[in-house]
Amino acid sequence: MKPFFALAFLLVFSSCAMMQSIVKSTFPYTTTVTIPQDSKAGEELSVSGMATSFDQDFKKNGNNADKVSEVRMVSAKMEAISPTDFNIGNLSMVKVYMAKADGTSEVPVASRMDISPDAGNSIVLDIDNSTFLDQRVREPQVKIRVAYKLRKAISVSPSLHITLGLSAYPNR
């Protein structure tokens, strides 16, 4: 009887907005960008990449995506993945933007303006949750642009993995 009750409870509440909010409440968008070795130090430059999410179903028609809203940034992290020992402190600042695949409707989502010279291979970024990202995450693809400034010249072209944690609330 207990397994039946649990299954019935799950089936009844799986379609409600609150359950969709809980299920979709924290989902990451990730991308990897490569900073060219020949980037000039002291200049603000940018690189971009397409972001993916394990929750690809969120943006497809016919699912329950319309039952969640107020999608906002809740966390952001940058990590060196190649080489893994690349010191992100070689960057003096980064700004992360999210846009539609064609680059339109770009909004700031995270930044770090005071990166320590000895930051190591991973940093947490300051989030900008002043904009709802509902329409962007419903797009078939999301573009992430990373603006950066090198502290000094680098001898490699590091690949940096960006993880953006998003949160959603029930649609009213």
N, C-alpha and C. Protein backbone atom coordinates (compact mmCIF):
# COMPACT_ATOMS: atom_id res chain seq x y z
N MET A 1 0.82 -1.19 0.00
CA MET A 1 0.00 0.00 0.00
C MET A 1 0.87 1.26 0.00
N LYS A 2 1.96 1.23 0.75
CA LYS A 2 2.85 2.39 0.83
C LYS A 2 3.44 2.77 -0.53
N PRO A 3 3.97 1.81 -1.32
CA PRO A 3 4.49 2.17 -2.64
C PRO A 3 3.40 2.76 -3.54
N PHE A 4 2.19 2.25 -3.45
CA PHE A 4 1.09 2.78 -4.26
C PHE A 4 0.80 4.23 -3.90
N PHE A 5 0.78 4.55 -2.61
CA PHE A 5 0.53 5.93 -2.16
C PHE A 5 1.63 6.86 -2.67
N ALA A 6 2.86 6.43 -2.59
CA ALA A 6 3.98 7.26 -3.05
C ALA A 6 3.88 7.50 -4.56
N LEU A 7 3.55 6.47 -5.31
CA LEU A 7 3.39 6.63 -6.75
C LEU A 7 2.23 7.55 -7.08
N ALA A 8 1.11 7.38 -6.40
CA ALA A 8 -0.06 8.24 -6.63
C ALA A 8 0.27 9.70 -6.30
N PHE A 9 0.97 9.92 -5.18
CA PHE A 9 1.36 11.27 -4.79
C PHE A 9 2.24 11.90 -5.86
N LEU A 10 3.20 11.16 -6.34
CA LEU A 10 4.12 11.66 -7.37
C LEU A 10 3.37 11.99 -8.66
N LEU A 11 2.46 11.12 -9.08
CA LEU A 11 1.71 11.37 -10.30
C LEU A 11 0.80 12.59 -10.19
N VAL A 12 0.15 12.74 -9.06
CA VAL A 12 -0.77 13.87 -8.87
C VAL A 12 -0.02 15.19 -8.86
N PHE A 13 1.09 15.25 -8.17
CA PHE A 13 1.79 16.52 -8.00
C PHE A 13 2.86 16.79 -9.05
N SER A 14 3.16 15.84 -9.91
CA SER A 14 4.23 16.06 -10.89
C SER A 14 3.85 17.08 -11.95
N SER A 15 2.57 17.34 -12.13
CA SER A 15 2.18 18.29 -13.16
C SER A 15 1.89 19.68 -12.60
N CYS A 16 1.87 19.83 -11.30
CA CYS A 16 1.56 21.15 -10.76
C CYS A 16 2.78 22.07 -10.86
N ALA A 17 2.51 23.35 -10.86
CA ALA A 17 3.57 24.35 -11.01
C ALA A 17 4.61 24.25 -9.92
N MET A 18 4.19 23.98 -8.69
CA MET A 18 5.14 23.91 -7.59
C MET A 18 6.13 22.78 -7.81
N MET A 19 5.63 21.62 -8.26
CA MET A 19 6.54 20.50 -8.49
C MET A 19 7.49 20.84 -9.64
N GLN A 20 6.98 21.45 -10.69
CA GLN A 20 7.85 21.84 -11.79
C GLN A 20 8.91 22.82 -11.30
N SER A 21 8.52 23.70 -10.42
CA SER A 21 9.48 24.66 -9.87
C SER A 21 10.55 23.94 -9.06
N ILE A 22 10.14 22.97 -8.27
CA ILE A 22 11.10 22.23 -7.46
C ILE A 22 12.04 21.43 -8.36
N VAL A 23 11.47 20.75 -9.34
CA VAL A 23 12.27 19.94 -10.24
C VAL A 23 13.23 20.82 -11.03
N LYS A 24 12.75 21.97 -11.47
CA LYS A 24 13.56 22.85 -12.31
C LYS A 24 14.18 23.99 -11.51
N SER A 25 14.11 23.92 -10.18
CA SER A 25 14.51 25.06 -9.37
C SER A 25 15.99 25.40 -9.48
N THR A 26 16.83 24.44 -9.66
CA THR A 26 18.25 24.75 -9.84
C THR A 26 18.78 23.90 -10.99
N PHE A 27 19.11 24.56 -12.07
CA PHE A 27 19.64 23.85 -13.22
C PHE A 27 20.78 24.66 -13.82
N PRO A 28 21.87 24.00 -14.16
CA PRO A 28 23.04 24.72 -14.69
C PRO A 28 23.05 24.83 -16.21
N TYR A 29 23.55 25.92 -16.68
CA TYR A 29 23.92 26.09 -18.08
C TYR A 29 25.44 26.14 -18.09
N THR A 30 26.05 25.38 -18.97
CA THR A 30 27.52 25.33 -19.00
C THR A 30 28.03 25.58 -20.40
N THR A 31 29.22 26.13 -20.46
CA THR A 31 29.92 26.31 -21.72
C THR A 31 31.41 26.33 -21.44
N THR A 32 32.17 26.10 -22.46
CA THR A 32 33.62 26.20 -22.37
C THR A 32 34.09 27.19 -23.41
N VAL A 33 34.91 28.13 -22.98
CA VAL A 33 35.48 29.13 -23.89
C VAL A 33 37.00 29.02 -23.82
N THR A 34 37.64 29.40 -24.91
CA THR A 34 39.10 29.37 -24.96
C THR A 34 39.61 30.78 -25.19
N ILE A 35 40.53 31.20 -24.33
CA ILE A 35 41.15 32.52 -24.46
C ILE A 35 42.38 32.36 -25.33
N PRO A 36 42.43 33.07 -26.45
CA PRO A 36 43.59 32.94 -27.35
C PRO A 36 44.89 33.39 -26.67
N GLN A 37 45.92 32.64 -26.89
CA GLN A 37 47.23 32.92 -26.31
C GLN A 37 47.76 34.29 -26.73
N ASP A 38 47.38 34.74 -27.90
CA ASP A 38 47.87 36.03 -28.40
C ASP A 38 47.00 37.22 -27.98
N SER A 39 46.10 37.03 -27.01
CA SER A 39 45.29 38.14 -26.50
C SER A 39 46.21 39.17 -25.86
N LYS A 40 45.90 40.43 -26.10
CA LYS A 40 46.74 41.51 -25.55
C LYS A 40 46.37 41.80 -24.10
N ALA A 41 47.38 41.94 -23.28
CA ALA A 41 47.17 42.27 -21.86
C ALA A 41 46.66 43.70 -21.74
N GLY A 42 45.78 43.91 -20.76
CA GLY A 42 45.29 45.25 -20.46
C GLY A 42 44.14 45.72 -21.32
N GLU A 43 43.75 44.96 -22.33
CA GLU A 43 42.63 45.33 -23.20
C GLU A 43 41.42 44.46 -22.89
N GLU A 44 40.22 45.04 -22.92
CA GLU A 44 39.02 44.23 -22.73
C GLU A 44 38.69 43.54 -24.05
N LEU A 45 38.70 42.22 -24.02
CA LEU A 45 38.42 41.38 -25.18
C LEU A 45 37.28 40.45 -24.82
N SER A 46 36.79 39.68 -25.79
CA SER A 46 35.73 38.73 -25.45
C SER A 46 35.80 37.48 -26.31
N VAL A 47 35.29 36.40 -25.76
CA VAL A 47 35.13 35.12 -26.45
C VAL A 47 33.72 34.64 -26.14
N SER A 48 33.20 33.75 -26.98
CA SER A 48 31.85 33.27 -26.72
C SER A 48 31.72 31.80 -27.06
N GLY A 49 30.66 31.21 -26.56
CA GLY A 49 30.37 29.80 -26.80
C GLY A 49 28.89 29.55 -26.57
N MET A 50 28.41 28.46 -27.12
CA MET A 50 27.02 28.08 -26.92
C MET A 50 26.90 27.30 -25.62
N ALA A 51 25.90 27.62 -24.84
CA ALA A 51 25.71 26.95 -23.55
C ALA A 51 24.73 25.80 -23.70
N THR A 52 24.93 24.79 -22.88
CA THR A 52 24.01 23.66 -22.84
C THR A 52 23.56 23.45 -21.41
N SER A 53 22.43 22.76 -21.29
CA SER A 53 21.90 22.43 -19.97
C SER A 53 21.47 20.98 -19.98
N PHE A 54 21.62 20.32 -18.85
CA PHE A 54 21.15 18.94 -18.76
C PHE A 54 19.64 18.92 -18.92
N ASP A 55 18.98 20.03 -18.66
CA ASP A 55 17.53 20.13 -18.73
C ASP A 55 17.11 20.72 -20.07
N GLN A 56 17.51 20.07 -21.15
CA GLN A 56 17.19 20.57 -22.48
C GLN A 56 15.69 20.65 -22.72
N ASP A 57 14.91 19.88 -22.00
CA ASP A 57 13.47 19.86 -22.16
C ASP A 57 12.81 21.16 -21.72
N PHE A 58 13.51 21.96 -20.95
CA PHE A 58 12.95 23.20 -20.42
C PHE A 58 12.51 24.13 -21.53
N LYS A 59 13.20 24.11 -22.65
CA LYS A 59 12.94 25.10 -23.68
C LYS A 59 12.10 24.57 -24.84
N LYS A 60 11.63 23.34 -24.76
CA LYS A 60 10.87 22.77 -25.86
C LYS A 60 9.36 23.00 -25.65
N ASN A 61 8.67 23.21 -26.76
CA ASN A 61 7.21 23.36 -26.68
C ASN A 61 6.60 22.03 -26.28
N GLY A 62 5.43 22.11 -25.64
CA GLY A 62 4.71 20.90 -25.30
C GLY A 62 5.09 20.32 -23.96
N ASN A 63 6.02 20.90 -23.24
CA ASN A 63 6.33 20.38 -21.91
C ASN A 63 5.74 21.33 -20.87
N ASN A 64 6.22 21.29 -19.69
CA ASN A 64 5.69 22.12 -18.61
C ASN A 64 6.50 23.38 -18.38
N ALA A 65 7.27 23.82 -19.35
CA ALA A 65 8.09 25.02 -19.19
C ALA A 65 7.25 26.25 -18.91
N ASP A 66 6.00 26.25 -19.40
CA ASP A 66 5.16 27.42 -19.16
C ASP A 66 4.67 27.48 -17.71
N LYS A 67 4.94 26.46 -16.92
CA LYS A 67 4.51 26.45 -15.52
C LYS A 67 5.56 27.02 -14.57
N VAL A 68 6.71 27.38 -15.10
CA VAL A 68 7.72 28.04 -14.28
C VAL A 68 8.05 29.38 -14.89
N SER A 69 8.45 30.31 -14.06
CA SER A 69 8.79 31.64 -14.53
C SER A 69 9.84 32.23 -13.60
N GLU A 70 10.12 33.49 -13.80
CA GLU A 70 11.08 34.19 -12.97
C GLU A 70 12.41 33.44 -12.87
N VAL A 71 12.91 33.05 -14.03
CA VAL A 71 14.20 32.36 -14.08
C VAL A 71 15.30 33.40 -13.85
N ARG A 72 16.11 33.16 -12.84
CA ARG A 72 17.19 34.09 -12.48
C ARG A 72 18.49 33.35 -12.23
N MET A 73 19.56 34.11 -12.27
CA MET A 73 20.89 33.60 -11.97
C MET A 73 21.02 33.46 -10.45
N VAL A 74 21.52 32.32 -9.98
CA VAL A 74 21.74 32.13 -8.55
C VAL A 74 23.18 31.79 -8.20
N SER A 75 23.96 31.35 -9.19
CA SER A 75 25.37 31.07 -8.93
C SER A 75 26.14 31.06 -10.25
N ALA A 76 27.42 31.30 -10.15
CA ALA A 76 28.27 31.28 -11.35
C ALA A 76 29.69 30.92 -10.92
N LYS A 77 30.32 30.08 -11.73
CA LYS A 77 31.66 29.61 -11.42
C LYS A 77 32.47 29.50 -12.71
N MET A 78 33.75 29.77 -12.60
CA MET A 78 34.67 29.61 -13.72
C MET A 78 35.81 28.71 -13.27
N GLU A 79 36.14 27.73 -14.12
CA GLU A 79 37.18 26.77 -13.77
C GLU A 79 38.07 26.48 -14.99
N ALA A 80 39.35 26.45 -14.79
CA ALA A 80 40.29 26.10 -15.86
C ALA A 80 40.25 24.60 -16.07
N ILE A 81 40.05 24.17 -17.33
CA ILE A 81 40.01 22.74 -17.60
C ILE A 81 41.15 22.28 -18.50
N SER A 82 41.77 23.21 -19.20
CA SER A 82 42.91 22.85 -20.03
C SER A 82 43.78 24.09 -20.25
N PRO A 83 44.93 24.14 -19.69
CA PRO A 83 45.47 23.19 -18.71
C PRO A 83 44.76 23.36 -17.36
N THR A 84 44.68 22.29 -16.62
CA THR A 84 43.95 22.31 -15.35
C THR A 84 44.62 23.18 -14.31
N ASP A 85 45.90 23.44 -14.48
CA ASP A 85 46.61 24.27 -13.49
C ASP A 85 46.74 25.73 -13.94
N PHE A 86 45.96 26.13 -14.97
CA PHE A 86 46.01 27.53 -15.40
C PHE A 86 45.49 28.42 -14.27
N ASN A 87 46.24 29.45 -13.95
CA ASN A 87 45.86 30.38 -12.88
C ASN A 87 44.91 31.43 -13.44
N ILE A 88 43.65 31.38 -13.01
CA ILE A 88 42.67 32.36 -13.46
C ILE A 88 43.07 33.77 -13.01
N GLY A 89 43.98 33.86 -12.07
CA GLY A 89 44.52 35.14 -11.64
C GLY A 89 45.28 35.86 -12.75
N ASN A 90 45.55 35.18 -13.87
CA ASN A 90 46.12 35.85 -15.03
C ASN A 90 45.11 36.82 -15.66
N LEU A 91 43.85 36.67 -15.29
CA LEU A 91 42.81 37.59 -15.73
C LEU A 91 42.59 38.60 -14.62
N SER A 92 42.45 39.86 -14.96
CA SER A 92 42.18 40.85 -13.92
C SER A 92 40.68 41.04 -13.71
N MET A 93 39.88 40.72 -14.75
CA MET A 93 38.43 40.80 -14.61
C MET A 93 37.76 39.95 -15.68
N VAL A 94 36.52 39.53 -15.38
CA VAL A 94 35.67 38.84 -16.35
C VAL A 94 34.24 39.34 -16.18
N LYS A 95 33.52 39.38 -17.28
CA LYS A 95 32.09 39.69 -17.29
C LYS A 95 31.43 38.64 -18.17
N VAL A 96 30.34 38.06 -17.69
CA VAL A 96 29.66 37.01 -18.43
C VAL A 96 28.27 37.51 -18.83
N TYR A 97 27.93 37.30 -20.11
CA TYR A 97 26.65 37.74 -20.66
C TYR A 97 25.92 36.54 -21.26
N MET A 98 24.59 36.57 -21.21
CA MET A 98 23.76 35.53 -21.81
C MET A 98 22.91 36.19 -22.88
N ALA A 99 22.77 35.51 -24.03
CA ALA A 99 21.99 36.05 -25.14
C ALA A 99 21.33 34.92 -25.91
N LYS A 100 20.47 35.31 -26.84
CA LYS A 100 19.93 34.34 -27.79
C LYS A 100 21.10 33.85 -28.65
N ALA A 101 20.88 32.78 -29.40
CA ALA A 101 21.95 32.19 -30.21
C ALA A 101 22.57 33.17 -31.19
N ASP A 102 21.79 34.13 -31.69
CA ASP A 102 22.32 35.09 -32.65
C ASP A 102 23.00 36.28 -31.98
N GLY A 103 23.08 36.26 -30.65
CA GLY A 103 23.76 37.32 -29.92
C GLY A 103 22.85 38.47 -29.51
N THR A 104 21.58 38.44 -29.92
CA THR A 104 20.66 39.51 -29.56
C THR A 104 20.10 39.29 -28.15
N SER A 105 19.53 40.32 -27.60
CA SER A 105 18.93 40.29 -26.26
C SER A 105 19.95 39.90 -25.20
N GLU A 106 21.17 40.39 -25.33
CA GLU A 106 22.24 40.07 -24.39
C GLU A 106 22.04 40.80 -23.07
N VAL A 107 22.22 40.08 -21.98
CA VAL A 107 22.14 40.68 -20.64
C VAL A 107 23.31 40.19 -19.80
N PRO A 108 23.80 41.03 -18.88
CA PRO A 108 24.86 40.57 -17.97
C PRO A 108 24.29 39.58 -16.95
N VAL A 109 25.04 38.52 -16.66
CA VAL A 109 24.58 37.54 -15.68
C VAL A 109 25.59 37.30 -14.56
N ALA A 110 26.86 37.59 -14.79
CA ALA A 110 27.87 37.38 -13.75
C ALA A 110 29.13 38.18 -14.10
N SER A 111 29.95 38.42 -13.07
CA SER A 111 31.21 39.13 -13.31
C SER A 111 32.12 38.92 -12.11
N ARG A 112 33.34 39.32 -12.31
CA ARG A 112 34.31 39.38 -11.21
C ARG A 112 35.31 40.44 -11.61
N MET A 113 35.27 41.56 -10.93
CA MET A 113 36.07 42.71 -11.30
C MET A 113 37.38 42.80 -10.52
N ASP A 114 37.55 41.97 -9.52
CA ASP A 114 38.72 42.06 -8.64
C ASP A 114 39.40 40.70 -8.46
N ILE A 115 39.72 40.05 -9.56
CA ILE A 115 40.34 38.72 -9.47
C ILE A 115 41.74 38.86 -8.89
N SER A 116 42.00 38.09 -7.86
CA SER A 116 43.30 38.10 -7.20
C SER A 116 44.35 37.48 -8.12
N PRO A 117 45.57 38.02 -8.15
CA PRO A 117 46.63 37.45 -9.00
C PRO A 117 46.95 35.99 -8.69
N ASP A 118 46.64 35.53 -7.49
CA ASP A 118 46.91 34.14 -7.12
C ASP A 118 45.60 33.37 -6.91
N ALA A 119 44.62 33.60 -7.77
CA ALA A 119 43.28 33.02 -7.62
C ALA A 119 43.26 31.50 -7.75
N GLY A 120 44.16 30.92 -8.50
CA GLY A 120 44.14 29.48 -8.71
C GLY A 120 43.34 29.12 -9.95
N ASN A 121 42.92 27.85 -10.04
CA ASN A 121 42.26 27.40 -11.26
C ASN A 121 40.74 27.44 -11.23
N SER A 122 40.15 28.01 -10.17
CA SER A 122 38.70 28.06 -10.06
C SER A 122 38.29 29.29 -9.24
N ILE A 123 37.28 30.00 -9.72
CA ILE A 123 36.76 31.15 -8.96
C ILE A 123 35.24 31.15 -9.02
N VAL A 124 34.65 31.74 -8.00
CA VAL A 124 33.21 31.98 -7.96
C VAL A 124 33.01 33.40 -8.46
N LEU A 125 32.02 33.56 -9.34
CA LEU A 125 31.73 34.87 -9.90
C LEU A 125 30.59 35.54 -9.13
N ASP A 126 30.56 36.86 -9.17
CA ASP A 126 29.46 37.62 -8.58
C ASP A 126 28.30 37.58 -9.57
N ILE A 127 27.11 37.22 -9.09
CA ILE A 127 25.98 37.09 -10.01
C ILE A 127 25.25 38.42 -10.17
N ASP A 128 24.59 38.54 -11.29
CA ASP A 128 23.70 39.67 -11.56
C ASP A 128 22.33 39.05 -11.81
N ASN A 129 21.47 39.10 -10.82
CA ASN A 129 20.14 38.50 -10.97
C ASN A 129 19.06 39.57 -11.13
N SER A 130 19.42 40.70 -11.71
CA SER A 130 18.47 41.79 -11.89
C SER A 130 17.55 41.58 -13.10
N THR A 131 17.84 40.59 -13.93
CA THR A 131 17.04 40.35 -15.13
C THR A 131 16.48 38.93 -15.12
N PHE A 132 15.21 38.81 -15.45
CA PHE A 132 14.63 37.48 -15.62
C PHE A 132 15.14 36.89 -16.93
N LEU A 133 15.47 35.61 -16.90
CA LEU A 133 16.06 34.94 -18.06
C LEU A 133 15.09 33.96 -18.72
N ASP A 134 13.81 34.09 -18.40
CA ASP A 134 12.79 33.15 -18.89
C ASP A 134 12.87 32.92 -20.40
N GLN A 135 12.83 33.99 -21.17
CA GLN A 135 12.79 33.85 -22.62
C GLN A 135 14.11 33.30 -23.18
N ARG A 136 15.21 33.65 -22.58
CA ARG A 136 16.49 33.17 -23.09
C ARG A 136 16.63 31.67 -22.90
N VAL A 137 16.23 31.14 -21.75
CA VAL A 137 16.40 29.70 -21.53
C VAL A 137 15.38 28.89 -22.32
N ARG A 138 14.36 29.51 -22.84
CA ARG A 138 13.40 28.80 -23.68
C ARG A 138 13.85 28.76 -25.15
N GLU A 139 14.92 29.44 -25.47
CA GLU A 139 15.47 29.44 -26.82
C GLU A 139 16.09 28.07 -27.11
N PRO A 140 16.13 27.66 -28.39
CA PRO A 140 16.77 26.39 -28.74
C PRO A 140 18.25 26.36 -28.34
N GLN A 141 18.90 27.53 -28.42
CA GLN A 141 20.30 27.62 -28.00
C GLN A 141 20.52 28.94 -27.28
N VAL A 142 21.47 28.94 -26.37
CA VAL A 142 21.82 30.13 -25.60
C VAL A 142 23.30 30.42 -25.82
N LYS A 143 23.60 31.67 -26.10
CA LYS A 143 24.99 32.08 -26.32
C LYS A 143 25.52 32.75 -25.07
N ILE A 144 26.73 32.37 -24.67
CA ILE A 144 27.40 32.99 -23.53
C ILE A 144 28.62 33.74 -24.07
N ARG A 145 28.70 35.01 -23.72
CA ARG A 145 29.88 35.80 -24.10
C ARG A 145 30.63 36.16 -22.82
N VAL A 146 31.94 35.97 -22.85
CA VAL A 146 32.78 36.28 -21.71
C VAL A 146 33.73 37.41 -22.12
N ALA A 147 33.56 38.57 -21.49
CA ALA A 147 34.49 39.68 -21.68
C ALA A 147 35.57 39.51 -20.61
N TYR A 148 36.81 39.74 -20.98
CA TYR A 148 37.91 39.52 -20.05
C TYR A 148 39.02 40.54 -20.31
N LYS A 149 39.87 40.68 -19.31
CA LYS A 149 41.06 41.51 -19.45
C LYS A 149 42.21 40.73 -18.84
N LEU A 150 43.26 40.53 -19.62
CA LEU A 150 44.44 39.83 -19.11
C LEU A 150 45.29 40.78 -18.27
N ARG A 151 45.80 40.25 -17.18
CA ARG A 151 46.71 41.01 -16.32
C ARG A 151 48.08 41.14 -16.99
N LYS A 152 48.49 40.03 -17.64
CA LYS A 152 49.79 39.99 -18.34
C LYS A 152 49.67 38.96 -19.46
N ALA A 153 50.62 38.95 -20.36
CA ALA A 153 50.60 38.01 -21.47
C ALA A 153 50.62 36.57 -20.95
N ILE A 154 49.97 35.67 -21.68
CA ILE A 154 49.93 34.26 -21.29
C ILE A 154 50.63 33.42 -22.34
N SER A 155 51.14 32.26 -21.94
CA SER A 155 51.90 31.41 -22.86
C SER A 155 51.10 30.21 -23.37
N VAL A 156 49.83 30.11 -22.99
CA VAL A 156 48.95 29.03 -23.45
C VAL A 156 47.60 29.64 -23.83
N SER A 157 46.76 28.84 -24.49
CA SER A 157 45.39 29.23 -24.79
C SER A 157 44.48 28.41 -23.87
N PRO A 158 44.18 28.93 -22.67
CA PRO A 158 43.43 28.15 -21.70
C PRO A 158 41.96 27.99 -22.07
N SER A 159 41.42 26.82 -21.76
CA SER A 159 39.99 26.56 -21.89
C SER A 159 39.38 26.71 -20.50
N LEU A 160 38.37 27.55 -20.43
CA LEU A 160 37.72 27.84 -19.15
C LEU A 160 36.27 27.36 -19.21
N HIS A 161 35.88 26.60 -18.21
CA HIS A 161 34.53 26.06 -18.12
C HIS A 161 33.69 26.99 -17.25
N ILE A 162 32.58 27.47 -17.78
CA ILE A 162 31.69 28.38 -17.06
C ILE A 162 30.43 27.60 -16.70
N THR A 163 30.06 27.63 -15.43
CA THR A 163 28.82 27.01 -14.97
C THR A 163 27.93 28.09 -14.38
N LEU A 164 26.76 28.27 -14.99
CA LEU A 164 25.80 29.26 -14.53
C LEU A 164 24.61 28.54 -13.92
N GLY A 165 24.38 28.74 -12.62
CA GLY A 165 23.26 28.11 -11.94
C GLY A 165 22.04 29.01 -12.02
N LEU A 166 20.94 28.47 -12.55
CA LEU A 166 19.70 29.23 -12.69
C LEU A 166 18.64 28.68 -11.76
N SER A 167 17.69 29.51 -11.41
CA SER A 167 16.62 29.12 -10.52
C SER A 167 15.29 29.57 -11.13
N ALA A 168 14.22 28.80 -10.89
CA ALA A 168 12.91 29.14 -11.41
C ALA A 168 11.87 29.06 -10.30
N TYR A 169 10.76 29.76 -10.48
CA TYR A 169 9.67 29.79 -9.52
C TYR A 169 8.38 29.39 -10.21
N PRO A 170 7.36 29.00 -9.46
CA PRO A 170 6.09 28.61 -10.09
C PRO A 170 5.48 29.80 -10.84
N ASN A 171 4.93 29.52 -12.01
CA ASN A 171 4.24 30.54 -12.78
C ASN A 171 2.86 30.74 -12.16
N ARG A 172 2.52 31.96 -11.95
CA ARG A 172 1.23 32.24 -11.31
C ARG A 172 0.18 32.53 -12.32
